[in-house]
Amino acid sequence: MSLTSISKLKSGHDMITALQLDAFKEIVNIGVGRAAATLNDMLDSPILL
């Protein structure tokens, strides 16, 4: 998401629905989890979130 897109969301233009926001948060959570798992494998050390 570009800075322009973020500023549009904050200014009230092109509002997203609660369901879309929830889906976006879930996608971010999945991505963070996968990144932590990969980092764990690379470093052979537990990663706490």
C-alpha atoms as a PDB file:
ATOM      1  CA  MET A   1       0.000   0.000   0.000  1.00  0.00           C
ATOM      2  CA  SER A   2       1.492   3.323  -1.007  1.00  0.00           C
ATOM      3  CA  LEU A   3       1.619   6.427   1.171  1.00  0.00           C
ATOM      4  CA  THR A   4      -0.957   8.018  -1.114  1.00  0.00           C
ATOM      5  CA  SER A   5      -3.361   5.143  -0.468  1.00  0.00           C
ATOM      6  CA  ILE A   6      -2.827   5.400   3.271  1.00  0.00           C
ATOM      7  CA  SER A   7      -3.431   9.141   3.277  1.00  0.00           C
ATOM      8  CA  LYS A   8      -6.642   8.620   1.294  1.00  0.00           C
ATOM      9  CA  LEU A   9      -7.875   6.170   3.921  1.00  0.00           C
ATOM     10  CA  LYS A  10      -7.043   8.594   6.717  1.00  0.00           C
ATOM     11  CA  SER A  11      -8.695  11.546   5.009  1.00  0.00           C
ATOM     12  CA  GLY A  12     -11.968   9.687   4.514  1.00  0.00           C
ATOM     13  CA  HIS A  13     -11.767   9.128   0.773  1.00  0.00           C
ATOM     14  CA  ASP A  14     -12.237   5.650  -0.637  1.00  0.00           C
ATOM     15  CA  MET A  15     -13.212   4.247   2.771  1.00  0.00           C
ATOM     16  CA  ILE A  16     -12.857   0.528   3.273  1.00  0.00           C
ATOM     17  CA  THR A  17     -15.422  -1.627   5.016  1.00  0.00           C
ATOM     18  CA  ALA A  18     -14.926  -3.215   8.420  1.00  0.00           C
ATOM     19  CA  LEU A  19     -14.785  -6.614   6.718  1.00  0.00           C
ATOM     20  CA  GLN A  20     -12.044  -5.435   4.344  1.00  0.00           C
ATOM     21  CA  LEU A  21     -10.057  -3.992   7.242  1.00  0.00           C
ATOM     22  CA  ASP A  22     -10.427  -7.235   9.187  1.00  0.00           C
ATOM     23  CA  ALA A  23      -9.251  -9.236   6.164  1.00  0.00           C
ATOM     24  CA  PHE A  24      -6.272  -6.913   5.701  1.00  0.00           C
ATOM     25  CA  LYS A  25      -5.281  -7.290   9.367  1.00  0.00           C
ATOM     26  CA  GLU A  26      -5.497 -11.067   9.069  1.00  0.00           C
ATOM     27  CA  ILE A  27      -3.290 -11.061   5.959  1.00  0.00           C
ATOM     28  CA  VAL A  28      -0.728  -8.918   7.795  1.00  0.00           C
ATOM     29  CA  ASN A  29      -0.808 -11.271  10.793  1.00  0.00           C
ATOM     30  CA  ILE A  30      -0.229 -14.273   8.546  1.00  0.00           C
ATOM     31  CA  GLY A  31       2.665 -12.495   6.829  1.00  0.00           C
ATOM     32  CA  VAL A  32       4.297 -11.536  10.123  1.00  0.00           C
ATOM     33  CA  GLY A  33       3.956 -15.092  11.381  1.00  0.00           C
ATOM     34  CA  ARG A  34       5.524 -16.511   8.249  1.00  0.00           C
ATOM     35  CA  ALA A  35       8.349 -13.977   8.410  1.00  0.00           C
ATOM     36  CA  ALA A  36       9.033 -14.875  12.047  1.00  0.00           C
ATOM     37  CA  ALA A  37       9.028 -18.588  11.193  1.00  0.00           C
ATOM     38  CA  THR A  38      11.478 -18.016   8.352  1.00  0.00           C
ATOM     39  CA  LEU A  39      13.737 -15.899  10.547  1.00  0.00           C
ATOM     40  CA  ASN A  40      13.575 -18.623  13.187  1.00  0.00           C
ATOM     41  CA  ASP A  41      14.744 -21.162  10.611  1.00  0.00           C
ATOM     42  CA  MET A  42      17.521 -18.899   9.352  1.00  0.00           C
ATOM     43  CA  LEU A  43      18.876 -18.061  12.797  1.00  0.00           C
ATOM     44  CA  ASP A  44      18.005 -21.359  14.438  1.00  0.00           C
ATOM     45  CA  SER A  45      16.707 -19.322  17.342  1.00  0.00           C
ATOM     46  CA  PRO A  46      13.177 -18.716  18.650  1.00  0.00           C
ATOM     47  CA  ILE A  47      11.515 -15.482  17.548  1.00  0.00           C
ATOM     48  CA  LEU A  48       9.035 -14.004  20.001  1.00  0.00           C
ATOM     49  CA  LEU A  49       6.219 -11.860  18.675  1.00  0.00           C
END
